[in-house]
């Protein structure tokens, strides 16, 4: 029988929605923390295929999610293009900046990224053999705008000010950087699919800070380009797009980009998403991650609310953003039990 997530992505309405969770392999799990300590640091964990596969499998063993998502990081791709990447303890990623025409021109050719990223493909290959037969394997990459914000600022930021400033002051250089990331993302995701990924997802975590034509030019357009290229090479592989906090930009996003499913954050209600997004096909989301911390009756009520709201169309149950490190693993189990009991 076709896996449940693949059925939902084809538009099938299922009696129980398939479930997985963004960042489901992560710091909220004690087994993850033990494996990361064994690896030495975060990047070493990402680039160790055996250990990266192990942490990907941990939430599958514990919870029986319907999908596993590759354990990696969106900044591995820009690192493969040349800029130095490191992680500061307690502060997150830091990256050598790319802000000038010369720096964009000096990025490595897209054909060279696979040498750096080959351990990621090996992780995918291990997982394709190790996962239970009913579990879907999801690969992923950051969408070009979100990746560019880190490359330009050298770190994450709440308002993506550095990227917006470059976009305003030197749009040609900014566009050239977006184009290079777009091209590399196609190759990266295609290699993941060849290694065994059954679905791929584009995370545009900072899409919400793009407005109007900028949203169309730098979130929608690169997503559409990537999906079209992937569909030309891998016509049967579904693509999930997540333009987080897109608001009204979610409306018609699937049609304009070719995405098989649109993941939505929890800043919009399930009822709004049903009326405006699910009418175009599969929707993924959108329980508030805070419920994984607080638990209790509010968690079960909110979970039932999401499932019921999306029950008349294709739906993959997920959070509206990634699970946080302070989440309680028992609350994850309660969420799953609630969905599957409906």
Protein backbone atom coordinates (compact mmCIF):
# COMPACT_ATOMS: atom_id res chain seq x y z
CA UNK A 1 0.00 0.00 0.00
CA UNK A 2 1.22 3.48 -0.81
CA UNK A 3 2.58 5.32 2.23
CA UNK A 4 0.07 7.61 3.90
CA UNK A 5 2.01 10.83 3.36
CA UNK A 6 2.44 10.08 -0.32
CA UNK A 7 -1.30 9.45 -0.55
CA UNK A 8 -2.08 12.80 1.09
CA UNK A 9 0.37 14.55 -1.21
CA UNK A 10 -1.50 13.12 -4.19
CA UNK A 11 -4.67 14.74 -2.88
CA UNK A 12 -6.28 11.82 -1.08
CA UNK A 13 -8.44 12.60 1.94
CA UNK A 14 -7.55 10.09 4.64
CA UNK A 15 -9.63 9.18 7.71
CA UNK A 16 -6.59 9.83 9.92
CA UNK A 17 -4.03 12.37 8.73
CA UNK A 18 -0.41 11.22 8.59
CA UNK A 19 1.82 12.85 11.20
CA UNK A 20 5.37 14.10 11.39
CA UNK A 21 6.88 17.08 13.16
CA UNK A 22 9.37 19.73 12.08
CA UNK A 23 12.64 19.38 14.05
CA UNK A 24 11.35 16.07 15.37
CA UNK A 25 14.96 14.85 15.62
CA UNK A 26 16.33 17.41 18.02
CA UNK A 27 17.27 18.74 21.40
CA UNK A 28 14.01 17.94 23.19
CA UNK A 29 14.96 14.23 23.06
CA UNK A 30 17.51 12.87 25.57
CA UNK A 31 18.72 10.31 23.03
CA UNK A 32 19.51 13.12 20.60
CA UNK A 33 21.50 15.02 23.20
CA UNK A 34 23.53 11.89 23.95
CA UNK A 35 24.30 11.33 20.26
CA UNK A 36 25.27 14.96 19.73
CA UNK A 37 27.67 14.74 22.67
CA UNK A 38 29.18 11.64 21.08
CA UNK A 39 29.63 13.50 17.78
CA UNK A 40 31.50 16.39 19.42
CA UNK A 41 29.66 19.32 17.88
CA UNK A 42 26.70 20.11 15.66
CA UNK A 43 28.50 20.23 12.31
CA UNK A 44 30.36 17.01 13.02
CA UNK A 45 27.00 15.41 13.73
CA UNK A 46 25.56 16.69 10.44
CA UNK A 47 28.50 15.36 8.45
CA UNK A 48 28.70 11.94 10.15
CA UNK A 49 26.31 9.76 8.11
CA UNK A 50 25.96 7.04 10.73
CA UNK A 51 25.23 9.46 13.57
CA UNK A 52 23.01 11.74 11.45
CA UNK A 53 21.00 8.68 10.41
CA UNK A 54 20.79 7.59 14.03
CA UNK A 55 19.27 10.89 15.22
CA UNK A 56 16.87 10.86 12.25
CA UNK A 57 15.67 7.42 13.32
CA UNK A 58 15.31 8.21 17.02
CA UNK A 59 11.88 9.88 16.86
CA UNK A 60 10.66 7.14 14.51
CA UNK A 61 11.59 4.47 17.03
CA UNK A 62 10.10 6.43 19.92
CA UNK A 63 6.87 7.65 18.32
CA UNK A 64 6.25 5.88 15.01
CA UNK A 65 5.83 9.07 12.99
CA UNK A 66 4.64 8.55 9.43
CA UNK A 67 7.71 10.32 8.04
CA UNK A 68 11.34 10.89 8.92
CA UNK A 69 13.03 14.09 7.82
CA UNK A 70 16.73 14.03 7.09
CA UNK A 71 18.82 15.44 9.94
CA UNK A 72 20.94 18.22 8.47
CA UNK A 73 20.98 22.03 8.46
CA UNK A 74 19.95 24.58 5.83
CA UNK A 75 23.38 26.23 6.03
CA UNK A 76 25.28 23.19 4.78
CA UNK A 77 24.44 24.18 1.20
CA UNK A 78 25.88 27.72 1.40
CA UNK A 79 28.90 26.27 3.20
CA UNK A 80 29.39 23.96 0.21
CA UNK A 81 29.48 27.08 -1.99
CA UNK A 82 32.54 28.34 -0.11
CA UNK A 83 31.73 30.62 2.85
CA UNK A 84 33.04 29.44 6.20
CA UNK A 85 30.42 28.18 8.66
CA UNK A 86 30.67 27.61 12.39
CA UNK A 87 28.38 27.46 15.40
CA UNK A 88 28.81 29.55 18.52
CA UNK A 89 27.69 27.75 21.66
CA UNK A 90 24.42 29.23 22.89
CA UNK A 91 24.26 31.72 20.01
CA UNK A 92 23.71 29.64 16.87
CA UNK A 93 25.28 29.70 13.41
CA UNK A 94 27.86 32.15 12.16
CA UNK A 95 28.88 32.42 8.52
CA UNK A 96 31.40 34.31 6.44
CA UNK A 97 29.35 37.01 4.70
CA UNK A 98 28.58 37.31 0.99
CA UNK A 99 27.56 40.85 0.11
CA UNK A 100 29.57 42.10 -2.88
CA UNK A 101 29.56 41.28 -6.60
CA UNK A 102 33.06 39.82 -6.28
CA UNK A 103 32.06 37.58 -3.37
CA UNK A 104 29.05 36.27 -5.29
CA UNK A 105 31.24 35.66 -8.35
CA UNK A 106 33.78 33.82 -6.21
CA UNK A 107 31.29 31.29 -4.87
CA UNK A 108 32.19 27.78 -5.93
CA UNK A 109 30.60 26.38 -9.09
CA UNK A 110 27.40 24.48 -8.37
CA UNK A 111 29.01 21.32 -9.73
CA UNK A 112 31.51 21.43 -6.84
CA UNK A 113 28.98 21.29 -3.99
CA UNK A 114 28.63 17.52 -4.02
CA UNK A 115 32.12 16.91 -2.67
CA UNK A 116 31.23 18.73 0.54
CA UNK A 117 27.68 17.41 0.68
CA UNK A 118 28.38 13.75 -0.13
CA UNK A 119 28.05 12.73 3.56
CA UNK A 120 24.50 14.12 3.51
CA UNK A 121 23.64 11.94 0.53
CA UNK A 122 25.14 8.95 2.34
CA UNK A 123 22.87 9.70 5.32
CA UNK A 124 19.87 9.66 2.98
CA UNK A 125 21.02 6.36 1.52
CA UNK A 126 21.40 4.79 4.97
CA UNK A 127 17.94 5.99 5.96
CA UNK A 128 16.31 4.69 2.80
CA UNK A 129 17.46 1.22 3.85
CA UNK A 130 16.92 1.53 7.61
CA UNK A 131 13.48 3.13 7.89
CA UNK A 132 10.38 0.96 8.41
CA UNK A 133 8.64 0.23 5.11
CA UNK A 134 5.62 2.38 6.05
CA UNK A 135 7.71 5.47 6.86
CA UNK A 136 8.30 8.17 4.24
CA UNK A 137 11.75 9.74 3.95
CA UNK A 138 11.74 13.53 3.49
CA UNK A 139 14.77 15.47 2.26
CA UNK A 140 14.98 19.23 2.50
CA UNK A 141 16.78 22.47 1.81
CA UNK A 142 16.38 26.08 2.81
CA UNK A 143 14.63 28.25 0.26
CA UNK A 144 16.89 30.82 -1.47
CA UNK A 145 15.61 33.92 0.35
CA UNK A 146 16.06 32.36 3.79
CA UNK A 147 19.52 31.00 2.94
CA UNK A 148 20.51 34.39 1.49
CA UNK A 149 19.58 36.16 4.74
CA UNK A 150 22.19 34.11 6.60
CA UNK A 151 24.81 34.48 3.87
CA UNK A 152 24.40 38.26 3.85
CA UNK A 153 24.22 38.89 7.60
CA UNK A 154 26.56 36.08 8.64
CA UNK A 155 24.00 34.96 11.22
CA UNK A 156 20.30 34.74 11.88
CA UNK A 157 18.29 37.85 12.71
CA UNK A 158 14.73 38.66 13.69
CA UNK A 159 14.12 41.21 10.95
CA UNK A 160 16.56 40.12 8.19
CA UNK A 161 17.67 43.75 8.03
CA UNK A 162 21.00 43.11 6.30
CA UNK A 163 19.37 41.18 3.46
CA UNK A 164 16.66 43.81 3.01
CA UNK A 165 19.34 46.50 2.94
CA UNK A 166 21.36 44.76 0.23
CA UNK A 167 18.18 44.10 -1.75
CA UNK A 168 17.40 47.83 -1.62
CA UNK A 169 20.90 49.16 -2.30
CA UNK A 170 22.22 46.67 -4.87
CA UNK A 171 19.37 44.62 -6.27
CA UNK A 172 21.54 43.16 -9.06
CA UNK A 173 24.01 41.64 -6.59
CA UNK A 174 21.17 40.43 -4.40
CA UNK A 175 19.45 38.82 -7.40
CA UNK A 176 22.70 37.18 -8.48
CA UNK A 177 23.07 35.63 -5.03
CA UNK A 178 19.47 34.37 -5.11
CA UNK A 179 20.10 32.86 -8.54
CA UNK A 180 23.24 31.05 -7.38
CA UNK A 181 21.46 29.61 -4.35
CA UNK A 182 18.50 28.58 -6.52
CA UNK A 183 20.74 26.75 -8.96
CA UNK A 184 22.62 24.97 -6.17
CA UNK A 185 19.41 24.02 -4.38
CA UNK A 186 18.14 22.20 -7.44
CA UNK A 187 21.32 20.13 -7.57
CA UNK A 188 21.29 19.49 -3.82
CA UNK A 189 17.69 18.30 -3.68
CA UNK A 190 18.05 16.28 -6.86
CA UNK A 191 21.01 14.45 -5.30
CA UNK A 192 18.94 13.77 -2.16
CA UNK A 193 16.17 12.28 -4.32
CA UNK A 194 18.67 10.11 -6.18
CA UNK A 195 19.97 8.89 -2.81
CA UNK A 196 16.51 7.85 -1.67
CA UNK A 197 14.43 10.84 -0.50
CA UNK A 198 10.78 10.23 -1.40
CA UNK A 199 9.60 13.80 -0.75
CA UNK A 200 11.55 17.05 -0.48
CA UNK A 201 10.65 20.20 1.40
CA UNK A 202 11.71 23.83 0.93
CA UNK A 203 11.90 25.80 4.18
CA UNK A 204 11.43 29.53 3.60
CA UNK A 205 11.53 30.36 7.29
CA UNK A 206 11.80 34.13 6.77
CA UNK A 207 9.33 34.46 3.88
CA UNK A 208 7.03 36.55 6.05
CA UNK A 209 9.37 39.54 5.99
CA UNK A 210 9.02 39.83 2.21
CA UNK A 211 6.09 41.96 1.09
CA UNK A 212 4.34 42.58 -2.21
CA UNK A 213 6.52 42.24 -5.29
CA UNK A 214 9.51 41.23 -3.17
CA UNK A 215 7.56 38.19 -1.93
CA UNK A 216 6.73 37.26 -5.51
CA UNK A 217 10.27 37.86 -6.76
CA UNK A 218 12.29 36.29 -3.95
CA UNK A 219 10.05 33.69 -2.32
CA UNK A 220 7.60 32.54 -4.98
CA UNK A 221 9.77 32.82 -8.08
CA UNK A 222 12.81 30.87 -6.77
CA UNK A 223 10.49 28.23 -5.31
CA UNK A 224 8.75 27.86 -8.66
CA UNK A 225 12.09 27.60 -10.47
CA UNK A 226 13.35 24.90 -8.11
CA UNK A 227 10.14 22.88 -8.27
CA UNK A 228 9.96 23.06 -12.07
CA UNK A 229 13.56 21.84 -12.37
CA UNK A 230 13.00 19.02 -9.89
CA UNK A 231 9.77 17.94 -11.58
CA UNK A 232 11.58 17.81 -14.92
CA UNK A 233 14.12 15.39 -13.43
CA UNK A 234 11.96 13.57 -10.88
CA UNK A 235 8.34 13.93 -12.01
CA UNK A 236 6.91 11.60 -9.36
CA UNK A 237 8.65 13.17 -6.34
CA UNK A 238 6.35 15.49 -4.35
CA UNK A 239 7.58 18.86 -3.09
CA UNK A 240 6.32 20.57 0.08
CA UNK A 241 6.82 24.34 0.28
CA UNK A 242 6.82 26.27 3.57
CA UNK A 243 6.73 30.05 3.12
CA UNK A 244 6.42 30.70 6.84
CA UNK A 245 4.23 33.63 7.91
CA UNK A 246 3.28 34.36 4.31
CA UNK A 247 -0.24 35.34 5.40
CA UNK A 248 -2.26 36.21 2.32
CA UNK A 249 0.71 35.00 0.27
CA UNK A 250 -0.36 31.45 1.07
CA UNK A 251 -3.40 31.95 -1.15
CA UNK A 252 -2.63 30.44 -4.55
CA UNK A 253 0.97 29.65 -3.57
CA UNK A 254 0.63 26.02 -4.69
CA UNK A 255 -0.69 27.03 -8.12
CA UNK A 256 1.97 29.67 -8.65
CA UNK A 257 4.91 27.48 -7.61
CA UNK A 258 3.85 23.95 -8.52
CA UNK A 259 4.15 22.75 -4.91
CA UNK A 260 2.29 19.53 -4.12
CA UNK A 261 1.62 20.74 -0.59
CA UNK A 262 1.83 24.03 1.26
CA UNK A 263 2.94 23.92 4.89
CA UNK A 264 1.39 26.66 6.98
CA UNK A 265 2.47 28.23 10.25
CA UNK A 266 0.23 28.81 13.24
CA UNK A 267 -0.25 32.55 12.67
CA UNK A 268 -3.27 31.66 10.52
CA UNK A 269 -6.24 29.66 11.74
CA UNK A 270 -7.03 26.20 10.38
CA UNK A 271 -10.42 27.52 9.24
CA UNK A 272 -8.77 30.30 7.23
CA UNK A 273 -6.31 27.83 5.71
CA UNK A 274 -9.10 25.41 4.85
CA UNK A 275 -11.00 28.11 2.99
CA UNK A 276 -8.02 29.73 1.30
CA UNK A 277 -5.22 27.16 0.91
CA UNK A 278 -6.59 23.62 1.17
CA UNK A 279 -8.95 24.33 -1.72
CA UNK A 280 -5.86 24.04 -3.94
CA UNK A 281 -4.62 20.72 -2.53
CA UNK A 282 -2.72 19.24 0.38
CA UNK A 283 -2.00 21.39 3.42
CA UNK A 284 0.52 20.60 6.15
CA UNK A 285 0.22 22.02 9.66
CA UNK A 286 -0.48 23.80 11.88
CA UNK A 287 -0.55 23.11 15.64
CA UNK A 288 1.22 25.79 17.71
CA UNK A 289 4.59 24.41 18.93
CA UNK A 290 4.00 25.87 22.38
CA UNK A 291 1.53 23.06 23.04
CA UNK A 292 4.48 20.65 23.07
CA UNK A 293 5.75 22.55 26.11
CA UNK A 294 2.52 23.12 28.01
CA UNK A 295 0.61 19.93 27.22
CA UNK A 296 -2.61 19.10 29.02
CA UNK A 297 -6.19 19.60 27.90
CA UNK A 298 -5.24 22.63 25.81
CA UNK A 299 -2.98 20.39 23.72
CA UNK A 300 -5.63 17.75 23.11
CA UNK A 301 -8.29 20.36 22.32
CA UNK A 302 -6.04 22.25 19.88
CA UNK A 303 -4.96 19.00 18.20
CA UNK A 304 -8.57 17.94 17.68
CA UNK A 305 -9.37 21.42 16.37
CA UNK A 306 -6.66 21.20 13.69
CA UNK A 307 -7.60 17.66 12.62
CA UNK A 308 -11.31 18.48 12.43
CA UNK A 309 -10.80 21.73 10.52
CA UNK A 310 -8.77 20.04 7.79
CA UNK A 311 -10.71 16.76 7.72
CA UNK A 312 -12.54 17.39 4.44
CA UNK A 313 -9.38 17.76 2.36
CA UNK A 314 -5.87 16.33 2.03
CA UNK A 315 -3.90 17.08 5.20
CA UNK A 316 -0.58 16.18 6.83
CA UNK A 317 -0.65 16.90 10.55
CA UNK A 318 2.35 18.88 11.76
CA UNK A 319 3.30 21.85 13.88
CA UNK A 320 3.19 25.42 12.62
CA UNK A 321 6.95 25.63 13.17
CA UNK A 322 9.68 23.40 14.58
CA UNK A 323 9.40 21.81 18.01
CA UNK A 324 11.39 23.74 20.60
CA UNK A 325 14.16 22.36 22.83
CA UNK A 326 12.07 22.84 25.98
CA UNK A 327 9.26 20.60 24.71
CA UNK A 328 8.19 17.62 26.79
CA UNK A 329 8.55 14.30 24.93
CA UNK A 330 5.43 13.01 26.69
CA UNK A 331 3.39 15.81 25.15
CA UNK A 332 4.46 14.68 21.69
CA UNK A 333 3.08 11.24 22.45
CA UNK A 334 -0.17 12.78 23.67
CA UNK A 335 -0.48 14.73 20.42
CA UNK A 336 0.03 11.60 18.34
CA UNK A 337 -2.41 9.55 20.43
CA UNK A 338 -5.01 12.31 20.10
CA UNK A 339 -4.72 12.47 16.31
CA UNK A 340 -4.88 8.70 15.88
CA UNK A 341 -7.83 8.32 18.26
CA UNK A 342 -10.08 10.62 16.25
